[in-house]
Amino acid sequence: MKAVVMTAQGGPEVIELVELSEPEPGPAEVLVKVAAAGVNFMDTGVRRGLAWTDIPNPKVLGVEGAGRVISVGHGVDHLTPGDRVAWVYAPGSYAERAVIPADALVQIPDAIDDRTAAAVMMQGLTASHFATDFYPAQPGDIALVHAAAGGLGLLLTQIIKLKGGHVIGRVSAAEKAAIAKEAGADHVIVDTEGRFAQDVLRLSGGDGVHVVYDGSGPKTFQGSLDSLRRSGTFCWYGPVLGSPGPLDIMNLPKSIKIGYAVFSDHIHTPALLRARTGQLFDWIARGDLKVRIGGIYPLAEAAQAHVDMESRATTGKLLLIPQISDR
């Protein structure tokens, strides 16, 4: 089978398309034919040596996708060949076929196509965590969403709006503003220098926002602090872009609450994984949540997908599709 591996730590040039032997499922595992694999910022972090350093190279990239069950291992009784399934955090997803733990799979409803299912798993579950567990958005809340035209930002904006909140979106280019608005952002700020706090304060009536969702790296950290109202909540995420550095807790302003949000805490049991994805799928089927797919690439162009993602010029979700012929 064909798979995308990283041969060493480094830039996109270390990514190669190779032939590997056919995998077989072991006990409690499932062999899946991959229909679509999600491209995530964490994949670029793995490639650069920020994670998975205990796994020797070459190793297959990717953790998210959707496809169809080919065969099941011993002890798997809730899935059968032919079932359509999706997953998140199953290493080795940039491939034509993948072996995945059965408990990491959810069945895809008939109303949801494979590409949409693959596109919503990582970012949809992350957005769900941010707006329901980490900070339960309430009617009337004002939220600042960074990278509001990205795959996560678009989903997060829609979920906040579903809960009755207001969204101030920040984007890095003027051409992204309309995309954020289409997702429901009440106001959009175009900013590349981290100088957005005054606009946020003005748009929030001078008080600041109830919550900031910031995965844009150290450049925006101070501005996000300055954008919060008293007792506001700072949701920090996205380790690939770096840490803001050491914090002096006694110097945090306005009695704010700050934390590092990890989506796996939202789905720490198989039952929660099924429940949370079930809610996402229901929203999509009803038309309440729209998933924007911003780019589709064959496996052979995985390196280009990484280049495009790291350029910060993309919007929505990027997918790899094994069935697309190499161009």
C-alpha atoms as a PDB file:
ATOM      1  CA  MET A   1       0.000   0.000   0.000  1.00  0.00           C
ATOM      2  CA  LYS A   2       1.010   3.642  -0.379  1.00  0.00           C
ATOM      3  CA  ALA A   3       1.701   5.753   2.698  1.00  0.00           C
ATOM      4  CA  VAL A   4       3.294   9.099   3.523  1.00  0.00           C
ATOM      5  CA  VAL A   5       6.273   8.914   5.863  1.00  0.00           C
ATOM      6  CA  MET A   6       8.752  11.356   7.353  1.00  0.00           C
ATOM      7  CA  THR A   7      12.310  10.180   6.866  1.00  0.00           C
ATOM      8  CA  ALA A   8      13.905  12.622   9.332  1.00  0.00           C
ATOM      9  CA  GLN A   9      13.049  15.689  11.381  1.00  0.00           C
ATOM     10  CA  GLY A  10      12.836  18.824   9.289  1.00  0.00           C
ATOM     11  CA  GLY A  11      10.824  20.754   6.743  1.00  0.00           C
ATOM     12  CA  PRO A  12       8.329  19.455   4.189  1.00  0.00           C
ATOM     13  CA  GLU A  13      11.203  18.030   2.156  1.00  0.00           C
ATOM     14  CA  VAL A  14      11.509  15.111   4.620  1.00  0.00           C
ATOM     15  CA  ILE A  15       8.053  13.824   3.586  1.00  0.00           C
ATOM     16  CA  GLU A  16       7.960  10.949   1.077  1.00  0.00           C
ATOM     17  CA  LEU A  17       5.332   8.715  -0.496  1.00  0.00           C
ATOM     18  CA  VAL A  18       6.438   5.083  -0.132  1.00  0.00           C
ATOM     19  CA  GLU A  19       5.185   1.534  -0.580  1.00  0.00           C
ATOM     20  CA  LEU A  20       4.643  -0.404   2.638  1.00  0.00           C
ATOM     21  CA  SER A  21       3.531  -3.946   3.325  1.00  0.00           C
ATOM     22  CA  GLU A  22      -0.171  -4.558   3.877  1.00  0.00           C
ATOM     23  CA  PRO A  23      -1.104  -4.138   7.549  1.00  0.00           C
ATOM     24  CA  GLU A  24      -3.228  -6.599   9.498  1.00  0.00           C
ATOM     25  CA  PRO A  25      -5.377  -5.867  12.545  1.00  0.00           C
ATOM     26  CA  GLY A  26      -4.444  -7.388  15.872  1.00  0.00           C
ATOM     27  CA  PRO A  27      -6.741  -8.032  18.844  1.00  0.00           C
ATOM     28  CA  ALA A  28      -9.140  -5.100  19.460  1.00  0.00           C
ATOM     29  CA  GLU A  29      -7.997  -3.465  16.213  1.00  0.00           C
ATOM     30  CA  VAL A  30      -9.633  -2.703  12.874  1.00  0.00           C
ATOM     31  CA  LEU A  31      -8.169  -2.453   9.377  1.00  0.00           C
ATOM     32  CA  VAL A  32      -9.673   0.518   7.536  1.00  0.00           C
ATOM     33  CA  LYS A  33      -9.498   1.633   3.922  1.00  0.00           C
ATOM     34  CA  VAL A  34      -8.819   5.354   4.231  1.00  0.00           C
ATOM     35  CA  ALA A  35     -11.152   7.578   2.209  1.00  0.00           C
ATOM     36  CA  ALA A  36      -9.804  10.875   3.566  1.00  0.00           C
ATOM     37  CA  ALA A  37      -7.123  11.872   6.060  1.00  0.00           C
ATOM     38  CA  GLY A  38      -7.079  15.195   7.873  1.00  0.00           C
ATOM     39  CA  VAL A  39      -4.026  17.458   7.795  1.00  0.00           C
ATOM     40  CA  ASN A  40      -3.403  19.145  11.144  1.00  0.00           C
ATOM     41  CA  PHE A  41      -0.867  21.543  12.616  1.00  0.00           C
ATOM     42  CA  MET A  42       0.186  18.779  14.998  1.00  0.00           C
ATOM     43  CA  ASP A  43       1.389  16.821  11.946  1.00  0.00           C
ATOM     44  CA  THR A  44       3.811  19.634  11.149  1.00  0.00           C
ATOM     45  CA  GLY A  45       4.981  19.544  14.760  1.00  0.00           C
ATOM     46  CA  VAL A  46       5.650  15.806  14.527  1.00  0.00           C
ATOM     47  CA  ARG A  47       7.571  16.407  11.306  1.00  0.00           C
ATOM     48  CA  ARG A  48       9.725  19.039  13.013  1.00  0.00           C
ATOM     49  CA  GLY A  49      10.489  16.782  15.975  1.00  0.00           C
ATOM     50  CA  LEU A  50       8.183  18.302  18.580  1.00  0.00           C
ATOM     51  CA  ALA A  51       6.332  15.017  19.201  1.00  0.00           C
ATOM     52  CA  TRP A  52       6.555  11.257  18.531  1.00  0.00           C
ATOM     53  CA  THR A  53      10.318  11.402  19.056  1.00  0.00           C
ATOM     54  CA  ASP A  54      10.187   7.922  20.593  1.00  0.00           C
ATOM     55  CA  ILE A  55       8.963   6.434  17.276  1.00  0.00           C
ATOM     56  CA  PRO A  56      11.852   5.721  14.905  1.00  0.00           C
ATOM     57  CA  ASN A  57      11.908   7.126  11.375  1.00  0.00           C
ATOM     58  CA  PRO A  58      10.626   6.523   8.818  1.00  0.00           C
ATOM     59  CA  LYS A  59       7.159   6.781  10.341  1.00  0.00           C
ATOM     60  CA  VAL A  60       3.730   7.325   8.809  1.00  0.00           C
ATOM     61  CA  LEU A  61       2.235  10.739   9.557  1.00  0.00           C
ATOM     62  CA  GLY A  62      -1.359  11.697  10.266  1.00  0.00           C
ATOM     63  CA  VAL A  63      -3.833  11.019  13.077  1.00  0.00           C
ATOM     64  CA  GLU A  64      -7.301  11.709  11.691  1.00  0.00           C
ATOM     65  CA  GLY A  65      -9.552  10.426   8.951  1.00  0.00           C
ATOM     66  CA  ALA A  66     -12.557   8.527   7.695  1.00  0.00           C
ATOM     67  CA  GLY A  67     -13.027   5.366   5.667  1.00  0.00           C
ATOM     68  CA  ARG A  68     -14.534   1.907   5.518  1.00  0.00           C
ATOM     69  CA  VAL A  69     -13.826  -1.178   7.629  1.00  0.00           C
ATOM     70  CA  ILE A  70     -12.006  -3.935   5.716  1.00  0.00           C
ATOM     71  CA  SER A  71     -11.523  -6.462   8.524  1.00  0.00           C
ATOM     72  CA  VAL A  72     -11.582  -6.659  12.306  1.00  0.00           C
ATOM     73  CA  GLY A  73      -9.302  -8.291  14.831  1.00  0.00           C
ATOM     74  CA  HIS A  74     -10.169 -10.704  17.604  1.00  0.00           C
ATOM     75  CA  GLY A  75     -12.550  -9.316  20.196  1.00  0.00           C
ATOM     76  CA  VAL A  76     -14.107  -6.612  18.006  1.00  0.00           C
ATOM     77  CA  ASP A  77     -17.839  -7.249  17.937  1.00  0.00           C
ATOM     78  CA  HIS A  78     -19.397  -3.794  17.404  1.00  0.00           C
ATOM     79  CA  LEU A  79     -17.925  -3.183  13.929  1.00  0.00           C
ATOM     80  CA  THR A  80     -18.115  -5.285  10.769  1.00  0.00           C
ATOM     81  CA  PRO A  81     -16.537  -5.091   7.300  1.00  0.00           C
ATOM     82  CA  GLY A  82     -18.232  -2.416   5.236  1.00  0.00           C
ATOM     83  CA  ASP A  83     -19.014  -0.078   8.137  1.00  0.00           C
ATOM     84  CA  ARG A  84     -18.165   3.574   7.523  1.00  0.00           C
ATOM     85  CA  VAL A  85     -16.048   4.947  10.361  1.00  0.00           C
ATOM     86  CA  ALA A  86     -14.121   8.050  11.415  1.00  0.00           C
ATOM     87  CA  TRP A  87     -11.337   8.557  13.931  1.00  0.00           C
ATOM     88  CA  VAL A  88      -9.121  11.071  15.638  1.00  0.00           C
ATOM     89  CA  TYR A  89      -5.645  10.541  17.040  1.00  0.00           C
ATOM     90  CA  ALA A  90      -4.842   7.256  15.336  1.00  0.00           C
ATOM     91  CA  PRO A  91      -1.189   7.572  14.240  1.00  0.00           C
ATOM     92  CA  GLY A  92      -0.499   6.449  10.683  1.00  0.00           C
ATOM     93  CA  SER A  93      -3.525   7.966   8.939  1.00  0.00           C
ATOM     94  CA  TYR A  94      -1.655   9.357   5.885  1.00  0.00           C
ATOM     95  CA  ALA A  95      -2.053   6.038   4.077  1.00  0.00           C
ATOM     96  CA  GLU A  96      -4.299   3.990   1.843  1.00  0.00           C
ATOM     97  CA  ARG A  97      -5.038   1.665   4.753  1.00  0.00           C
ATOM     98  CA  ALA A  98      -4.580   1.986   8.496  1.00  0.00           C
ATOM     99  CA  VAL A  99      -4.873  -0.246  11.544  1.00  0.00           C
ATOM    100  CA  ILE A 100      -6.799   1.578  14.256  1.00  0.00           C
ATOM    101  CA  PRO A 101      -7.912   0.593  17.779  1.00  0.00           C
ATOM    102  CA  ALA A 102     -11.594  -0.287  17.662  1.00  0.00           C
ATOM    103  CA  ASP A 103     -12.387   2.012  20.591  1.00  0.00           C
ATOM    104  CA  ALA A 104     -10.990   4.975  18.637  1.00  0.00           C
ATOM    105  CA  LEU A 105     -13.560   4.571  15.841  1.00  0.00           C
ATOM    106  CA  VAL A 106     -17.034   6.070  15.527  1.00  0.00           C
ATOM    107  CA  GLN A 107     -19.599   5.089  12.940  1.00  0.00           C
ATOM    108  CA  ILE A 108     -20.527   7.729  10.365  1.00  0.00           C
ATOM    109  CA  PRO A 109     -24.247   8.399   9.839  1.00  0.00           C
ATOM    110  CA  ASP A 110     -25.586   8.019   6.306  1.00  0.00           C
ATOM    111  CA  ALA A 111     -26.262  11.764   6.139  1.00  0.00           C
ATOM    112  CA  ILE A 112     -22.540  12.605   6.542  1.00  0.00           C
ATOM    113  CA  ASP A 113     -20.077  12.018   3.691  1.00  0.00           C
ATOM    114  CA  ASP A 114     -16.557  10.699   4.315  1.00  0.00           C
ATOM    115  CA  ARG A 115     -14.752  13.959   3.620  1.00  0.00           C
ATOM    116  CA  THR A 116     -16.938  15.938   5.988  1.00  0.00           C
ATOM    117  CA  ALA A 117     -16.497  13.309   8.695  1.00  0.00           C
ATOM    118  CA  ALA A 118     -12.716  13.347   8.295  1.00  0.00           C
ATOM    119  CA  ALA A 119     -12.674  17.144   8.347  1.00  0.00           C
ATOM    120  CA  VAL A 120     -14.642  17.546  11.574  1.00  0.00           C
ATOM    121  CA  MET A 121     -13.009  15.041  13.924  1.00  0.00           C
ATOM    122  CA  MET A 122      -9.925  16.841  15.285  1.00  0.00           C
ATOM    123  CA  GLN A 123     -11.057  20.431  14.876  1.00  0.00           C
ATOM    124  CA  GLY A 124     -14.706  19.767  15.642  1.00  0.00           C
ATOM    125  CA  LEU A 125     -13.974  17.918  18.856  1.00  0.00           C
ATOM    126  CA  THR A 126     -11.464  20.608  19.818  1.00  0.00           C
ATOM    127  CA  ALA A 127     -14.003  23.366  19.199  1.00  0.00           C
ATOM    128  CA  SER A 128     -16.623  21.416  21.143  1.00  0.00           C
ATOM    129  CA  HIS A 129     -14.238  21.099  24.097  1.00  0.00           C
ATOM    130  CA  PHE A 130     -13.362  24.789  24.077  1.00  0.00           C
ATOM    131  CA  ALA A 131     -16.971  26.016  24.014  1.00  0.00           C
ATOM    132  CA  THR A 132     -18.610  23.406  26.255  1.00  0.00           C
ATOM    133  CA  ASP A 133     -16.098  22.009  28.770  1.00  0.00           C
ATOM    134  CA  PHE A 134     -13.238  24.479  29.063  1.00  0.00           C
ATOM    135  CA  TYR A 135     -15.478  27.533  28.990  1.00  0.00           C
ATOM    136  CA  PRO A 136     -19.202  26.756  28.632  1.00  0.00           C
ATOM    137  CA  ALA A 137     -20.382  29.557  26.349  1.00  0.00           C
ATOM    138  CA  GLN A 138     -23.572  31.224  27.553  1.00  0.00           C
ATOM    139  CA  PRO A 139     -26.156  33.422  25.803  1.00  0.00           C
ATOM    140  CA  GLY A 140     -24.824  36.958  25.610  1.00  0.00           C
ATOM    141  CA  ASP A 141     -21.162  36.038  26.119  1.00  0.00           C
ATOM    142  CA  ILE A 142     -18.642  37.809  23.901  1.00  0.00           C
ATOM    143  CA  ALA A 143     -15.765  35.661  22.654  1.00  0.00           C
ATOM    144  CA  LEU A 144     -12.570  36.560  20.808  1.00  0.00           C
ATOM    145  CA  VAL A 145     -11.661  33.809  18.346  1.00  0.00           C
ATOM    146  CA  HIS A 146      -8.205  33.943  16.793  1.00  0.00           C
ATOM    147  CA  ALA A 147      -7.577  32.466  13.317  1.00  0.00           C
ATOM    148  CA  ALA A 148     -11.317  32.755  12.792  1.00  0.00           C
ATOM    149  CA  ALA A 149     -11.144  31.672   9.134  1.00  0.00           C
ATOM    150  CA  GLY A 150      -9.181  28.494   9.878  1.00  0.00           C
ATOM    151  CA  GLY A 151     -10.791  25.095  10.213  1.00  0.00           C
ATOM    152  CA  LEU A 152     -10.977  25.258  14.010  1.00  0.00           C
ATOM    153  CA  GLY A 153     -11.930  28.926  14.148  1.00  0.00           C
ATOM    154  CA  LEU A 154     -14.844  28.470  11.748  1.00  0.00           C
ATOM    155  CA  LEU A 155     -16.267  25.564  13.754  1.00  0.00           C
ATOM    156  CA  LEU A 156     -15.683  27.283  17.097  1.00  0.00           C
ATOM    157  CA  THR A 157     -17.429  30.424  15.880  1.00  0.00           C
ATOM    158  CA  GLN A 158     -20.473  28.430  14.803  1.00  0.00           C
ATOM    159  CA  ILE A 159     -20.700  26.506  18.082  1.00  0.00           C
ATOM    160  CA  ILE A 160     -20.478  29.720  20.128  1.00  0.00           C
ATOM    161  CA  LYS A 161     -23.253  31.201  18.008  1.00  0.00           C
ATOM    162  CA  LEU A 162     -25.364  28.056  18.499  1.00  0.00           C
ATOM    163  CA  LYS A 163     -25.044  28.667  22.239  1.00  0.00           C
ATOM    164  CA  GLY A 164     -26.199  32.261  21.938  1.00  0.00           C
ATOM    165  CA  GLY A 165     -22.826  33.979  22.169  1.00  0.00           C
ATOM    166  CA  HIS A 166     -21.288  36.809  20.176  1.00  0.00           C
ATOM    167  CA  VAL A 167     -18.001  36.399  18.321  1.00  0.00           C
ATOM    168  CA  ILE A 168     -15.225  38.831  17.505  1.00  0.00           C
ATOM    169  CA  GLY A 169     -13.019  37.034  14.996  1.00  0.00           C
ATOM    170  CA  ARG A 170      -9.413  37.892  14.258  1.00  0.00           C
ATOM    171  CA  VAL A 171      -7.976  36.970  10.836  1.00  0.00           C
ATOM    172  CA  SER A 172      -4.570  37.557   9.250  1.00  0.00           C
ATOM    173  CA  ALA A 173      -5.708  38.847   5.841  1.00  0.00           C
ATOM    174  CA  ALA A 174      -8.558  40.953   4.502  1.00  0.00           C
ATOM    175  CA  GLU A 175      -9.655  38.229   2.095  1.00  0.00           C
ATOM    176  CA  LYS A 176     -10.382  35.948   5.064  1.00  0.00           C
ATOM    177  CA  ALA A 177     -12.808  38.358   6.720  1.00  0.00           C
ATOM    178  CA  ALA A 178     -15.793  37.380   4.585  1.00  0.00           C
ATOM    179  CA  ILE A 179     -15.234  33.688   5.369  1.00  0.00           C
ATOM    180  CA  ALA A 180     -15.270  34.384   9.118  1.00  0.00           C
ATOM    181  CA  LYS A 181     -18.390  36.528   8.707  1.00  0.00           C
ATOM    182  CA  GLU A 182     -20.118  33.761   6.767  1.00  0.00           C
ATOM    183  CA  ALA A 183     -19.535  31.418   9.733  1.00  0.00           C
ATOM    184  CA  GLY A 184     -21.355  33.873  11.987  1.00  0.00           C
ATOM    185  CA  ALA A 185     -18.684  36.188  13.408  1.00  0.00           C
ATOM    186  CA  ASP A 186     -20.364  39.415  14.495  1.00  0.00           C
ATOM    187  CA  HIS A 187     -17.209  41.463  13.966  1.00  0.00           C
ATOM    188  CA  VAL A 188     -13.905  40.646  12.256  1.00  0.00           C
ATOM    189  CA  ILE A 189     -10.538  42.273  12.914  1.00  0.00           C
ATOM    190  CA  VAL A 190      -7.773  41.981  10.328  1.00  0.00           C
ATOM    191  CA  ASP A 191      -4.427  41.914  12.133  1.00  0.00           C
ATOM    192  CA  THR A 192      -0.957  40.439  11.605  1.00  0.00           C
ATOM    193  CA  GLU A 193       1.039  42.320  14.247  1.00  0.00           C
ATOM    194  CA  GLY A 194      -0.820  41.420  17.434  1.00  0.00           C
ATOM    195  CA  ARG A 195      -2.292  44.917  17.765  1.00  0.00           C
ATOM    196  CA  PHE A 196      -5.937  44.036  18.105  1.00  0.00           C
ATOM    197  CA  ALA A 197      -6.750  44.638  21.777  1.00  0.00           C
ATOM    198  CA  GLN A 198      -8.006  48.215  21.377  1.00  0.00           C
ATOM    199  CA  ASP A 199     -10.403  47.138  18.639  1.00  0.00           C
ATOM    200  CA  VAL A 200     -11.635  44.258  20.809  1.00  0.00           C
ATOM    201  CA  LEU A 201     -12.256  46.579  23.754  1.00  0.00           C
ATOM    202  CA  ARG A 202     -14.145  49.021  21.528  1.00  0.00           C
ATOM    203  CA  LEU A 203     -16.291  46.266  20.015  1.00  0.00           C
ATOM    204  CA  SER A 204     -17.083  44.831  23.456  1.00  0.00           C
ATOM    205  CA  GLY A 205     -18.305  48.154  24.838  1.00  0.00           C
ATOM    206  CA  GLY A 206     -15.072  48.889  26.680  1.00  0.00           C
ATOM    207  CA  ASP A 207     -15.375  45.987  29.111  1.00  0.00           C
ATOM    208  CA  GLY A 208     -13.451  43.333  27.191  1.00  0.00           C
ATOM    209  CA  VAL A 209     -14.555  39.840  26.224  1.00  0.00           C
ATOM    210  CA  HIS A 210     -15.683  36.999  28.445  1.00  0.00           C
ATOM    211  CA  VAL A 211     -13.351  34.476  26.797  1.00  0.00           C
ATOM    212  CA  VAL A 212     -10.405  34.431  24.398  1.00  0.00           C
ATOM    213  CA  TYR A 213      -9.542  31.362  22.310  1.00  0.00           C
ATOM    214  CA  ASP A 214      -5.920  31.839  21.252  1.00  0.00           C
ATOM    215  CA  GLY A 215      -3.842  29.294  19.330  1.00  0.00           C
ATOM    216  CA  SER A 216      -1.840  31.873  17.369  1.00  0.00           C
ATOM    217  CA  GLY A 217       1.402  31.662  19.315  1.00  0.00           C
ATOM    218  CA  PRO A 218       3.378  34.098  21.489  1.00  0.00           C
ATOM    219  CA  LYS A 219       2.779  37.151  19.259  1.00  0.00           C
ATOM    220  CA  THR A 220      -0.880  37.427  20.281  1.00  0.00           C
ATOM    221  CA  PHE A 221      -0.542  36.463  23.951  1.00  0.00           C
ATOM    222  CA  GLN A 222      -0.319  39.950  25.469  1.00  0.00           C
ATOM    223  CA  GLY A 223      -3.066  41.292  23.246  1.00  0.00           C
ATOM    224  CA  SER A 224      -5.330  38.456  24.318  1.00  0.00           C
ATOM    225  CA  LEU A 225      -4.670  39.260  27.976  1.00  0.00           C
ATOM    226  CA  ASP A 226      -5.482  42.907  27.322  1.00  0.00           C
ATOM    227  CA  SER A 227      -8.726  41.951  25.552  1.00  0.00           C
ATOM    228  CA  LEU A 228     -10.266  40.180  28.551  1.00  0.00           C
ATOM    229  CA  ARG A 229     -12.740  41.671  30.996  1.00  0.00           C
ATOM    230  CA  ARG A 230     -12.530  41.185  34.738  1.00  0.00           C
ATOM    231  CA  SER A 231     -12.724  37.480  35.644  1.00  0.00           C
ATOM    232  CA  GLY A 232     -12.511  36.583  31.958  1.00  0.00           C
ATOM    233  CA  THR A 233     -11.190  33.245  30.717  1.00  0.00           C
ATOM    234  CA  PHE A 234      -8.123  32.722  28.522  1.00  0.00           C
ATOM    235  CA  CYS A 235      -8.163  29.467  26.541  1.00  0.00           C
ATOM    236  CA  TRP A 236      -4.634  28.858  25.244  1.00  0.00           C
ATOM    237  CA  TYR A 237      -3.902  26.062  22.768  1.00  0.00           C
ATOM    238  CA  GLY A 238      -1.709  25.181  19.809  1.00  0.00           C
ATOM    239  CA  PRO A 239       1.746  24.142  21.104  1.00  0.00           C
ATOM    240  CA  VAL A 240       3.207  23.942  17.574  1.00  0.00           C
ATOM    241  CA  LEU A 241       3.536  27.738  17.375  1.00  0.00           C
ATOM    242  CA  GLY A 242       5.365  27.981  20.685  1.00  0.00           C
ATOM    243  CA  SER A 243       4.844  28.930  24.324  1.00  0.00           C
ATOM    244  CA  PRO A 244       4.323  32.457  25.671  1.00  0.00           C
ATOM    245  CA  GLY A 245       7.108  31.766  28.163  1.00  0.00           C
ATOM    246  CA  PRO A 246       7.064  31.676  31.985  1.00  0.00           C
ATOM    247  CA  LEU A 247       4.112  33.346  33.695  1.00  0.00           C
ATOM    248  CA  ASP A 248       4.077  35.126  37.040  1.00  0.00           C
ATOM    249  CA  ILE A 249       0.666  34.184  38.365  1.00  0.00           C
ATOM    250  CA  MET A 250       0.618  37.200  40.693  1.00  0.00           C
ATOM    251  CA  ASN A 251       0.952  39.533  37.720  1.00  0.00           C
ATOM    252  CA  LEU A 252      -2.044  38.187  35.817  1.00  0.00           C
ATOM    253  CA  PRO A 253      -4.537  41.064  35.436  1.00  0.00           C
ATOM    254  CA  LYS A 254      -8.234  41.478  36.240  1.00  0.00           C
ATOM    255  CA  SER A 255      -8.627  38.200  38.168  1.00  0.00           C
ATOM    256  CA  ILE A 256      -8.594  36.340  34.854  1.00  0.00           C
ATOM    257  CA  LYS A 257      -8.550  32.562  34.570  1.00  0.00           C
ATOM    258  CA  ILE A 258      -6.034  31.039  32.171  1.00  0.00           C
ATOM    259  CA  GLY A 259      -5.445  27.463  31.059  1.00  0.00           C
ATOM    260  CA  TYR A 260      -4.056  25.211  28.370  1.00  0.00           C
ATOM    261  CA  ALA A 261      -6.895  23.308  26.685  1.00  0.00           C
ATOM    262  CA  VAL A 262      -6.277  19.773  25.359  1.00  0.00           C
ATOM    263  CA  PHE A 263      -9.078  18.225  23.310  1.00  0.00           C
ATOM    264  CA  SER A 264      -8.359  14.673  24.533  1.00  0.00           C
ATOM    265  CA  ASP A 265      -9.750  15.695  27.932  1.00  0.00           C
ATOM    266  CA  HIS A 266     -13.095  16.113  26.120  1.00  0.00           C
ATOM    267  CA  ILE A 267     -13.124  12.504  24.880  1.00  0.00           C
ATOM    268  CA  HIS A 268     -11.231  10.522  27.496  1.00  0.00           C
ATOM    269  CA  THR A 269     -13.518   7.477  27.192  1.00  0.00           C
ATOM    270  CA  PRO A 270     -14.974   5.682  24.144  1.00  0.00           C
ATOM    271  CA  ALA A 271     -18.467   6.607  25.325  1.00  0.00           C
ATOM    272  CA  LEU A 272     -17.584  10.305  25.379  1.00  0.00           C
ATOM    273  CA  LEU A 273     -15.989  10.027  21.931  1.00  0.00           C
ATOM    274  CA  ARG A 274     -19.234   8.610  20.543  1.00  0.00           C
ATOM    275  CA  ALA A 275     -21.382  11.182  22.356  1.00  0.00           C
ATOM    276  CA  ARG A 276     -19.324  14.196  21.322  1.00  0.00           C
ATOM    277  CA  THR A 277     -19.009  13.145  17.695  1.00  0.00           C
ATOM    278  CA  GLY A 278     -22.702  12.258  17.669  1.00  0.00           C
ATOM    279  CA  GLN A 279     -23.505  15.850  18.641  1.00  0.00           C
ATOM    280  CA  LEU A 280     -21.244  17.199  15.886  1.00  0.00           C
ATOM    281  CA  PHE A 281     -22.802  14.886  13.297  1.00  0.00           C
ATOM    282  CA  ASP A 282     -26.315  15.915  14.426  1.00  0.00           C
ATOM    283  CA  TRP A 283     -25.468  19.604  14.040  1.00  0.00           C
ATOM    284  CA  ILE A 284     -24.040  18.963  10.567  1.00  0.00           C
ATOM    285  CA  ALA A 285     -27.037  16.866   9.460  1.00  0.00           C
ATOM    286  CA  ARG A 286     -29.431  19.622  10.601  1.00  0.00           C
ATOM    287  CA  GLY A 287     -27.426  22.288   8.794  1.00  0.00           C
ATOM    288  CA  ASP A 288     -26.470  24.054  12.029  1.00  0.00           C
ATOM    289  CA  LEU A 289     -22.743  23.370  11.592  1.00  0.00           C
ATOM    290  CA  LYS A 290     -21.043  23.774   8.232  1.00  0.00           C
ATOM    291  CA  VAL A 291     -17.627  22.260   7.567  1.00  0.00           C
ATOM    292  CA  ARG A 292     -15.431  24.167   5.128  1.00  0.00           C
ATOM    293  CA  ILE A 293     -12.900  22.033   3.248  1.00  0.00           C
ATOM    294  CA  GLY A 294     -10.235  24.439   2.060  1.00  0.00           C
ATOM    295  CA  GLY A 295      -7.957  22.089   0.140  1.00  0.00           C
ATOM    296  CA  ILE A 296      -7.865  18.524  -1.199  1.00  0.00           C
ATOM    297  CA  TYR A 297      -4.581  16.817  -2.104  1.00  0.00           C
ATOM    298  CA  PRO A 298      -3.526  13.334  -3.231  1.00  0.00           C
ATOM    299  CA  LEU A 299      -1.187  11.472  -0.885  1.00  0.00           C
ATOM    300  CA  ALA A 300       1.760  12.318  -3.141  1.00  0.00           C
ATOM    301  CA  GLU A 301       1.211  16.013  -2.398  1.00  0.00           C
ATOM    302  CA  ALA A 302       1.245  15.755   1.401  1.00  0.00           C
ATOM    303  CA  ALA A 303       4.388  17.903   1.530  1.00  0.00           C
ATOM    304  CA  GLN A 304       2.605  20.645  -0.413  1.00  0.00           C
ATOM    305  CA  ALA A 305      -0.308  20.452   2.013  1.00  0.00           C
ATOM    306  CA  HIS A 306       2.161  21.096   4.850  1.00  0.00           C
ATOM    307  CA  VAL A 307       3.695  24.031   2.961  1.00  0.00           C
ATOM    308  CA  ASP A 308       0.278  25.539   2.365  1.00  0.00           C
ATOM    309  CA  MET A 309      -0.827  25.077   5.973  1.00  0.00           C
ATOM    310  CA  GLU A 310       2.338  26.595   7.392  1.00  0.00           C
ATOM    311  CA  SER A 311       2.029  29.588   5.065  1.00  0.00           C
ATOM    312  CA  ARG A 312      -1.098  30.587   7.047  1.00  0.00           C
ATOM    313  CA  ALA A 313      -2.765  31.383   3.729  1.00  0.00           C
ATOM    314  CA  THR A 314      -5.310  28.544   3.830  1.00  0.00           C
ATOM    315  CA  THR A 315      -8.857  28.581   5.159  1.00  0.00           C
ATOM    316  CA  GLY A 316     -10.935  25.681   6.433  1.00  0.00           C
ATOM    317  CA  LYS A 317      -9.732  22.089   6.587  1.00  0.00           C
ATOM    318  CA  LEU A 318      -7.064  20.446   4.409  1.00  0.00           C
ATOM    319  CA  LEU A 319      -7.532  16.787   3.429  1.00  0.00           C
ATOM    320  CA  LEU A 320      -5.449  14.070   1.797  1.00  0.00           C
ATOM    321  CA  ILE A 321      -7.418  11.720  -0.458  1.00  0.00           C
ATOM    322  CA  PRO A 322      -5.679   8.416  -1.279  1.00  0.00           C
ATOM    323  CA  GLN A 323      -7.954   7.707  -4.247  1.00  0.00           C
ATOM    324  CA  ILE A 324      -6.884  10.848  -6.163  1.00  0.00           C
ATOM    325  CA  SER A 325      -4.335   9.928  -8.809  1.00  0.00           C
ATOM    326  CA  ASP A 326      -0.926  11.556  -8.526  1.00  0.00           C
ATOM    327  CA  ARG A 327      -0.774  14.663 -10.660  1.00  0.00           C
END
